[in-house]
Amino acid sequence: MYYRTKTNSKGVTRYEVVDKYKDPLTGKWKTAVVSYHKNTSRARKQAERKLKDKIERLVNGSEAQFNSQLIRTFGELKMSWLETWSVSVKPQTIKREAFVIERLGEIIGDDYLLERLTPLLMKRCLTTYKKHL
């Protein structure tokens, strides 16, 4: 955690508390910043607390979007996706996509572990499907 000072074109000084955190989904380092206007110890401590809360919220929020411990098979993944996606579309679209998802499960197999799925396996499954049409 470190502090920096910024001055805008009007001459107003803004103080910032900056810290880096690792995004659990991508594994990349990201920067979080909280600004404050008075350079007092009280304002600095409050900004530090806000920054810690912000980082915790960002990390926990991205982990909640996708938790690889809960979704282990292709079938679980497709059902989770359908549930998440279905709230934003019309019922007729949901029916159509549910049919497509069901066919995809027949082609690929709902019991395949996600960690074992590879592009080559996907290509082989789709090629086999095309031959049987």
N, C-alpha and C. Protein backbone atom coordinates (compact mmCIF):
# COMPACT_ATOMS: atom_id res chain seq x y z
N MET A 1 0.85 -1.16 0.00
CA MET A 1 0.00 0.00 0.00
C MET A 1 0.90 1.23 0.00
N TYR A 2 0.53 2.18 -0.85
CA TYR A 2 1.31 3.41 -0.88
C TYR A 2 0.38 4.59 -1.15
N TYR A 3 0.92 5.80 -0.98
CA TYR A 3 0.15 7.02 -1.13
C TYR A 3 0.71 7.83 -2.28
N ARG A 4 -0.18 8.55 -2.97
CA ARG A 4 0.29 9.46 -4.01
C ARG A 4 -0.60 10.70 -4.01
N THR A 5 -0.04 11.77 -4.56
CA THR A 5 -0.74 13.05 -4.61
C THR A 5 -0.96 13.43 -6.07
N LYS A 6 -2.16 13.89 -6.37
CA LYS A 6 -2.48 14.33 -7.72
C LYS A 6 -3.08 15.73 -7.65
N THR A 7 -2.73 16.54 -8.63
CA THR A 7 -3.29 17.89 -8.73
C THR A 7 -3.95 18.03 -10.10
N ASN A 8 -5.19 18.49 -10.10
CA ASN A 8 -5.89 18.64 -11.38
C ASN A 8 -5.56 20.00 -12.00
N SER A 9 -6.15 20.28 -13.15
CA SER A 9 -5.83 21.51 -13.89
C SER A 9 -6.28 22.77 -13.16
N LYS A 10 -7.22 22.65 -12.24
CA LYS A 10 -7.68 23.81 -11.47
C LYS A 10 -6.85 24.04 -10.23
N GLY A 11 -5.89 23.18 -9.99
CA GLY A 11 -5.01 23.34 -8.84
C GLY A 11 -5.50 22.66 -7.57
N VAL A 12 -6.56 21.88 -7.66
CA VAL A 12 -7.10 21.18 -6.50
C VAL A 12 -6.30 19.90 -6.30
N THR A 13 -5.82 19.72 -5.07
CA THR A 13 -5.00 18.55 -4.76
C THR A 13 -5.89 17.41 -4.25
N ARG A 14 -5.61 16.22 -4.76
CA ARG A 14 -6.32 15.02 -4.34
C ARG A 14 -5.28 14.01 -3.90
N TYR A 15 -5.54 13.37 -2.78
CA TYR A 15 -4.63 12.36 -2.24
C TYR A 15 -5.24 10.99 -2.50
N GLU A 16 -4.38 10.02 -2.78
CA GLU A 16 -4.87 8.68 -3.10
C GLU A 16 -4.10 7.62 -2.32
N VAL A 17 -4.85 6.60 -1.92
CA VAL A 17 -4.25 5.41 -1.33
C VAL A 17 -4.35 4.34 -2.41
N VAL A 18 -3.23 3.69 -2.71
CA VAL A 18 -3.17 2.73 -3.81
C VAL A 18 -2.66 1.39 -3.27
N ASP A 19 -3.28 0.32 -3.72
CA ASP A 19 -2.80 -1.01 -3.35
C ASP A 19 -3.05 -1.95 -4.52
N LYS A 20 -2.26 -3.00 -4.60
CA LYS A 20 -2.41 -4.00 -5.66
C LYS A 20 -2.99 -5.28 -5.06
N TYR A 21 -3.76 -5.97 -5.88
CA TYR A 21 -4.32 -7.26 -5.47
C TYR A 21 -4.32 -8.18 -6.67
N LYS A 22 -4.38 -9.46 -6.41
CA LYS A 22 -4.37 -10.46 -7.48
C LYS A 22 -5.80 -10.90 -7.77
N ASP A 23 -6.22 -10.74 -9.02
CA ASP A 23 -7.55 -11.16 -9.44
C ASP A 23 -7.60 -12.68 -9.42
N PRO A 24 -8.52 -13.28 -8.64
CA PRO A 24 -8.54 -14.74 -8.53
C PRO A 24 -8.95 -15.45 -9.82
N LEU A 25 -9.68 -14.79 -10.71
CA LEU A 25 -10.10 -15.44 -11.95
C LEU A 25 -9.01 -15.45 -13.00
N THR A 26 -8.30 -14.31 -13.14
CA THR A 26 -7.30 -14.22 -14.20
C THR A 26 -5.89 -14.47 -13.70
N GLY A 27 -5.65 -14.29 -12.40
CA GLY A 27 -4.31 -14.44 -11.85
C GLY A 27 -3.44 -13.23 -12.11
N LYS A 28 -4.02 -12.16 -12.66
CA LYS A 28 -3.27 -10.95 -12.95
C LYS A 28 -3.34 -9.98 -11.78
N TRP A 29 -2.31 -9.15 -11.66
CA TRP A 29 -2.28 -8.13 -10.62
C TRP A 29 -3.06 -6.92 -11.09
N LYS A 30 -3.92 -6.40 -10.23
CA LYS A 30 -4.71 -5.21 -10.54
C LYS A 30 -4.50 -4.18 -9.45
N THR A 31 -4.82 -2.92 -9.76
CA THR A 31 -4.62 -1.82 -8.83
C THR A 31 -5.97 -1.28 -8.40
N ALA A 32 -6.11 -1.02 -7.10
CA ALA A 32 -7.30 -0.39 -6.56
C ALA A 32 -6.89 0.93 -5.92
N VAL A 33 -7.72 1.96 -6.10
CA VAL A 33 -7.39 3.30 -5.63
C VAL A 33 -8.59 3.87 -4.89
N VAL A 34 -8.31 4.55 -3.75
CA VAL A 34 -9.33 5.32 -3.04
C VAL A 34 -8.77 6.72 -2.85
N SER A 35 -9.59 7.74 -3.18
CA SER A 35 -9.16 9.13 -3.08
C SER A 35 -9.72 9.79 -1.84
N TYR A 36 -8.99 10.79 -1.34
CA TYR A 36 -9.47 11.62 -0.25
C TYR A 36 -8.92 13.02 -0.46
N HIS A 37 -9.55 14.03 0.19
CA HIS A 37 -9.22 15.42 -0.12
C HIS A 37 -8.39 16.12 0.95
N LYS A 38 -8.42 15.63 2.17
CA LYS A 38 -7.62 16.25 3.24
C LYS A 38 -6.46 15.34 3.59
N ASN A 39 -5.31 15.92 3.74
CA ASN A 39 -4.12 15.13 4.07
C ASN A 39 -3.93 15.07 5.58
N THR A 40 -4.90 14.46 6.24
CA THR A 40 -4.81 14.29 7.69
C THR A 40 -4.71 12.81 8.00
N SER A 41 -4.25 12.51 9.18
CA SER A 41 -4.09 11.11 9.56
C SER A 41 -5.45 10.41 9.62
N ARG A 42 -6.48 11.12 10.06
CA ARG A 42 -7.82 10.53 10.13
C ARG A 42 -8.35 10.20 8.73
N ALA A 43 -8.20 11.12 7.80
CA ALA A 43 -8.66 10.88 6.43
C ALA A 43 -7.87 9.75 5.79
N ARG A 44 -6.57 9.68 6.06
CA ARG A 44 -5.73 8.63 5.50
C ARG A 44 -6.16 7.26 6.02
N LYS A 45 -6.39 7.16 7.33
CA LYS A 45 -6.82 5.88 7.92
C LYS A 45 -8.18 5.45 7.38
N GLN A 46 -9.08 6.42 7.22
CA GLN A 46 -10.41 6.10 6.69
C GLN A 46 -10.29 5.61 5.24
N ALA A 47 -9.43 6.25 4.46
CA ALA A 47 -9.22 5.83 3.08
C ALA A 47 -8.61 4.44 3.02
N GLU A 48 -7.70 4.13 3.94
CA GLU A 48 -7.10 2.78 4.00
C GLU A 48 -8.17 1.73 4.27
N ARG A 49 -9.07 2.02 5.22
CA ARG A 49 -10.15 1.07 5.52
C ARG A 49 -11.07 0.88 4.31
N LYS A 50 -11.39 1.99 3.64
CA LYS A 50 -12.24 1.89 2.45
C LYS A 50 -11.55 1.08 1.36
N LEU A 51 -10.24 1.26 1.21
CA LEU A 51 -9.49 0.52 0.20
C LEU A 51 -9.49 -0.97 0.51
N LYS A 52 -9.27 -1.33 1.77
CA LYS A 52 -9.30 -2.75 2.15
C LYS A 52 -10.68 -3.36 1.87
N ASP A 53 -11.74 -2.61 2.21
CA ASP A 53 -13.10 -3.09 1.94
C ASP A 53 -13.34 -3.23 0.44
N LYS A 54 -12.84 -2.27 -0.33
CA LYS A 54 -13.01 -2.30 -1.78
C LYS A 54 -12.33 -3.52 -2.39
N ILE A 55 -11.10 -3.79 -1.96
CA ILE A 55 -10.36 -4.94 -2.48
C ILE A 55 -11.06 -6.24 -2.09
N GLU A 56 -11.51 -6.31 -0.85
CA GLU A 56 -12.22 -7.52 -0.40
C GLU A 56 -13.49 -7.74 -1.21
N ARG A 57 -14.22 -6.66 -1.48
CA ARG A 57 -15.45 -6.76 -2.27
C ARG A 57 -15.14 -7.20 -3.71
N LEU A 58 -14.07 -6.65 -4.30
CA LEU A 58 -13.69 -7.02 -5.67
C LEU A 58 -13.28 -8.49 -5.76
N VAL A 59 -12.47 -8.94 -4.81
CA VAL A 59 -11.99 -10.32 -4.82
C VAL A 59 -13.14 -11.29 -4.56
N ASN A 60 -13.95 -11.01 -3.54
CA ASN A 60 -15.07 -11.90 -3.23
C ASN A 60 -16.13 -11.88 -4.32
N GLY A 61 -16.34 -10.74 -4.95
CA GLY A 61 -17.33 -10.64 -6.03
C GLY A 61 -16.94 -11.47 -7.23
N SER A 62 -15.67 -11.44 -7.59
CA SER A 62 -15.25 -12.21 -8.76
C SER A 62 -15.22 -13.70 -8.44
N GLU A 63 -14.95 -14.07 -7.20
CA GLU A 63 -14.99 -15.48 -6.83
C GLU A 63 -16.41 -16.00 -6.81
N ALA A 64 -17.36 -15.13 -6.44
CA ALA A 64 -18.76 -15.56 -6.38
C ALA A 64 -19.32 -15.78 -7.78
N GLN A 65 -18.80 -15.06 -8.78
CA GLN A 65 -19.28 -15.23 -10.14
C GLN A 65 -18.96 -16.62 -10.67
N PHE A 66 -17.80 -17.09 -10.33
CA PHE A 66 -17.41 -18.42 -10.80
C PHE A 66 -16.60 -19.10 -9.71
N ASN A 67 -17.15 -20.16 -9.15
CA ASN A 67 -16.43 -20.91 -8.14
C ASN A 67 -16.15 -22.29 -8.72
N SER A 68 -14.92 -22.51 -9.09
CA SER A 68 -14.56 -23.77 -9.76
C SER A 68 -14.70 -24.98 -8.85
N GLN A 69 -14.76 -24.77 -7.54
CA GLN A 69 -14.93 -25.89 -6.62
C GLN A 69 -16.36 -26.44 -6.70
N LEU A 70 -17.33 -25.58 -7.02
CA LEU A 70 -18.72 -26.02 -7.06
C LEU A 70 -19.09 -26.63 -8.41
N ILE A 71 -18.52 -26.11 -9.49
CA ILE A 71 -18.84 -26.58 -10.83
C ILE A 71 -17.70 -27.46 -11.31
N ARG A 72 -17.96 -28.76 -11.39
CA ARG A 72 -16.89 -29.69 -11.73
C ARG A 72 -17.11 -30.39 -13.07
N THR A 73 -18.36 -30.53 -13.50
CA THR A 73 -18.63 -31.25 -14.74
C THR A 73 -19.23 -30.32 -15.79
N PHE A 74 -19.21 -30.77 -17.02
CA PHE A 74 -19.77 -29.99 -18.12
C PHE A 74 -21.28 -29.79 -17.92
N GLY A 75 -21.96 -30.80 -17.43
CA GLY A 75 -23.40 -30.69 -17.19
C GLY A 75 -23.73 -29.62 -16.16
N GLU A 76 -22.95 -29.56 -15.08
CA GLU A 76 -23.16 -28.53 -14.06
C GLU A 76 -22.90 -27.14 -14.63
N LEU A 77 -21.87 -27.04 -15.47
CA LEU A 77 -21.53 -25.75 -16.07
C LEU A 77 -22.64 -25.25 -16.98
N LYS A 78 -23.17 -26.13 -17.82
CA LYS A 78 -24.20 -25.68 -18.76
C LYS A 78 -25.49 -25.31 -18.03
N MET A 79 -25.84 -26.03 -16.96
CA MET A 79 -27.05 -25.69 -16.21
C MET A 79 -26.86 -24.39 -15.44
N SER A 80 -25.68 -24.19 -14.88
CA SER A 80 -25.39 -22.94 -14.18
C SER A 80 -25.46 -21.76 -15.14
N TRP A 81 -24.90 -21.94 -16.33
CA TRP A 81 -24.95 -20.88 -17.33
C TRP A 81 -26.38 -20.58 -17.74
N LEU A 82 -27.18 -21.61 -17.96
CA LEU A 82 -28.57 -21.42 -18.39
C LEU A 82 -29.36 -20.68 -17.32
N GLU A 83 -29.16 -21.02 -16.05
CA GLU A 83 -29.87 -20.34 -14.96
C GLU A 83 -29.48 -18.87 -14.90
N THR A 84 -28.20 -18.58 -15.03
CA THR A 84 -27.72 -17.21 -14.96
C THR A 84 -28.19 -16.41 -16.17
N TRP A 85 -28.14 -17.00 -17.33
CA TRP A 85 -28.47 -16.32 -18.58
C TRP A 85 -29.97 -16.12 -18.75
N SER A 86 -30.79 -17.04 -18.25
CA SER A 86 -32.22 -17.04 -18.53
C SER A 86 -32.97 -15.85 -17.93
N VAL A 87 -32.42 -15.19 -16.94
CA VAL A 87 -33.13 -14.06 -16.34
C VAL A 87 -33.12 -12.83 -17.24
N SER A 88 -32.28 -12.83 -18.27
CA SER A 88 -32.14 -11.64 -19.11
C SER A 88 -32.77 -11.78 -20.49
N VAL A 89 -33.48 -12.87 -20.75
CA VAL A 89 -34.05 -13.08 -22.09
C VAL A 89 -35.52 -13.51 -22.00
N LYS A 90 -36.17 -13.53 -23.15
CA LYS A 90 -37.59 -13.90 -23.22
C LYS A 90 -37.76 -15.42 -23.05
N PRO A 91 -38.95 -15.85 -22.59
CA PRO A 91 -39.20 -17.28 -22.38
C PRO A 91 -39.01 -18.14 -23.63
N GLN A 92 -39.41 -17.63 -24.79
CA GLN A 92 -39.25 -18.40 -26.03
C GLN A 92 -37.78 -18.66 -26.33
N THR A 93 -36.94 -17.66 -26.06
CA THR A 93 -35.51 -17.81 -26.29
C THR A 93 -34.93 -18.84 -25.32
N ILE A 94 -35.44 -18.86 -24.10
CA ILE A 94 -34.98 -19.83 -23.11
C ILE A 94 -35.29 -21.25 -23.58
N LYS A 95 -36.51 -21.45 -24.11
CA LYS A 95 -36.89 -22.78 -24.60
C LYS A 95 -35.96 -23.23 -25.73
N ARG A 96 -35.68 -22.31 -26.66
CA ARG A 96 -34.81 -22.66 -27.79
C ARG A 96 -33.41 -23.01 -27.31
N GLU A 97 -32.86 -22.20 -26.43
CA GLU A 97 -31.50 -22.44 -25.94
C GLU A 97 -31.44 -23.68 -25.07
N ALA A 98 -32.51 -23.97 -24.31
CA ALA A 98 -32.53 -25.18 -23.50
C ALA A 98 -32.44 -26.41 -24.40
N PHE A 99 -33.10 -26.36 -25.55
CA PHE A 99 -33.02 -27.46 -26.51
C PHE A 99 -31.59 -27.60 -27.05
N VAL A 100 -30.98 -26.47 -27.39
CA VAL A 100 -29.60 -26.49 -27.90
C VAL A 100 -28.65 -27.02 -26.83
N ILE A 101 -28.83 -26.58 -25.60
CA ILE A 101 -27.98 -27.03 -24.49
C ILE A 101 -28.15 -28.53 -24.26
N GLU A 102 -29.38 -29.01 -24.38
CA GLU A 102 -29.63 -30.44 -24.21
C GLU A 102 -28.90 -31.25 -25.28
N ARG A 103 -28.97 -30.79 -26.53
CA ARG A 103 -28.26 -31.47 -27.62
C ARG A 103 -26.75 -31.42 -27.39
N LEU A 104 -26.26 -30.29 -26.90
CA LEU A 104 -24.83 -30.16 -26.62
C LEU A 104 -24.40 -31.16 -25.56
N GLY A 105 -25.26 -31.39 -24.57
CA GLY A 105 -24.97 -32.39 -23.54
C GLY A 105 -24.91 -33.79 -24.11
N GLU A 106 -25.76 -34.07 -25.10
CA GLU A 106 -25.72 -35.39 -25.75
C GLU A 106 -24.45 -35.56 -26.57
N ILE A 107 -24.01 -34.50 -27.21
CA ILE A 107 -22.81 -34.55 -28.06
C ILE A 107 -21.55 -34.70 -27.21
N ILE A 108 -21.40 -33.81 -26.24
CA ILE A 108 -20.16 -33.76 -25.46
C ILE A 108 -20.20 -34.72 -24.28
N GLY A 109 -21.31 -34.80 -23.60
CA GLY A 109 -21.43 -35.65 -22.42
C GLY A 109 -21.43 -34.82 -21.16
N ASP A 110 -22.49 -34.94 -20.38
CA ASP A 110 -22.63 -34.12 -19.18
C ASP A 110 -21.67 -34.53 -18.07
N ASP A 111 -21.15 -35.73 -18.11
CA ASP A 111 -20.31 -36.21 -17.02
C ASP A 111 -18.82 -35.91 -17.22
N TYR A 112 -18.45 -35.24 -18.31
CA TYR A 112 -17.03 -34.89 -18.52
C TYR A 112 -16.60 -33.86 -17.48
N LEU A 113 -15.44 -34.09 -16.90
CA LEU A 113 -14.89 -33.14 -15.95
C LEU A 113 -14.35 -31.93 -16.71
N LEU A 114 -14.59 -30.74 -16.17
CA LEU A 114 -14.14 -29.52 -16.85
C LEU A 114 -12.63 -29.47 -17.00
N GLU A 115 -11.92 -29.99 -16.02
CA GLU A 115 -10.46 -29.93 -16.10
C GLU A 115 -9.90 -30.84 -17.18
N ARG A 116 -10.72 -31.77 -17.68
CA ARG A 116 -10.27 -32.70 -18.72
C ARG A 116 -10.69 -32.27 -20.13
N LEU A 117 -11.55 -31.26 -20.23
CA LEU A 117 -12.00 -30.82 -21.55
C LEU A 117 -10.87 -30.08 -22.26
N THR A 118 -10.64 -30.43 -23.51
CA THR A 118 -9.60 -29.79 -24.31
C THR A 118 -10.20 -29.38 -25.66
N PRO A 119 -9.57 -28.45 -26.35
CA PRO A 119 -10.07 -28.09 -27.69
C PRO A 119 -10.11 -29.28 -28.64
N LEU A 120 -9.14 -30.16 -28.55
CA LEU A 120 -9.11 -31.34 -29.42
C LEU A 120 -10.31 -32.25 -29.15
N LEU A 121 -10.65 -32.43 -27.89
CA LEU A 121 -11.82 -33.25 -27.53
C LEU A 121 -13.10 -32.61 -28.06
N MET A 122 -13.22 -31.29 -27.93
CA MET A 122 -14.40 -30.58 -28.44
C MET A 122 -14.51 -30.75 -29.95
N LYS A 123 -13.40 -30.62 -30.65
CA LYS A 123 -13.40 -30.76 -32.10
C LYS A 123 -13.82 -32.17 -32.51
N ARG A 124 -13.32 -33.16 -31.80
CA ARG A 124 -13.67 -34.55 -32.10
C ARG A 124 -15.16 -34.80 -31.87
N CYS A 125 -15.71 -34.28 -30.78
CA CYS A 125 -17.13 -34.45 -30.49
C CYS A 125 -17.99 -33.80 -31.56
N LEU A 126 -17.64 -32.59 -31.97
CA LEU A 126 -18.42 -31.88 -32.99
C LEU A 126 -18.29 -32.54 -34.36
N THR A 127 -17.12 -33.07 -34.68
CA THR A 127 -16.92 -33.78 -35.94
C THR A 127 -17.78 -35.03 -35.98
N THR A 128 -17.81 -35.76 -34.88
CA THR A 128 -18.65 -36.96 -34.78
C THR A 128 -20.12 -36.60 -34.95
N TYR A 129 -20.53 -35.50 -34.35
CA TYR A 129 -21.92 -35.04 -34.46
C TYR A 129 -22.27 -34.71 -35.91
N LYS A 130 -21.36 -34.03 -36.62
CA LYS A 130 -21.61 -33.66 -38.01
C LYS A 130 -21.76 -34.89 -38.90
N LYS A 131 -20.98 -35.93 -38.62
CA LYS A 131 -21.04 -37.15 -39.43
C LYS A 131 -22.39 -37.84 -39.28
N HIS A 132 -23.00 -37.75 -38.11
CA HIS A 132 -24.26 -38.46 -37.84
C HIS A 132 -25.49 -37.66 -38.25
N LEU A 133 -25.30 -36.47 -38.80
CA LEU A 133 -26.45 -35.68 -39.25
C LEU A 133 -26.98 -36.22 -40.49
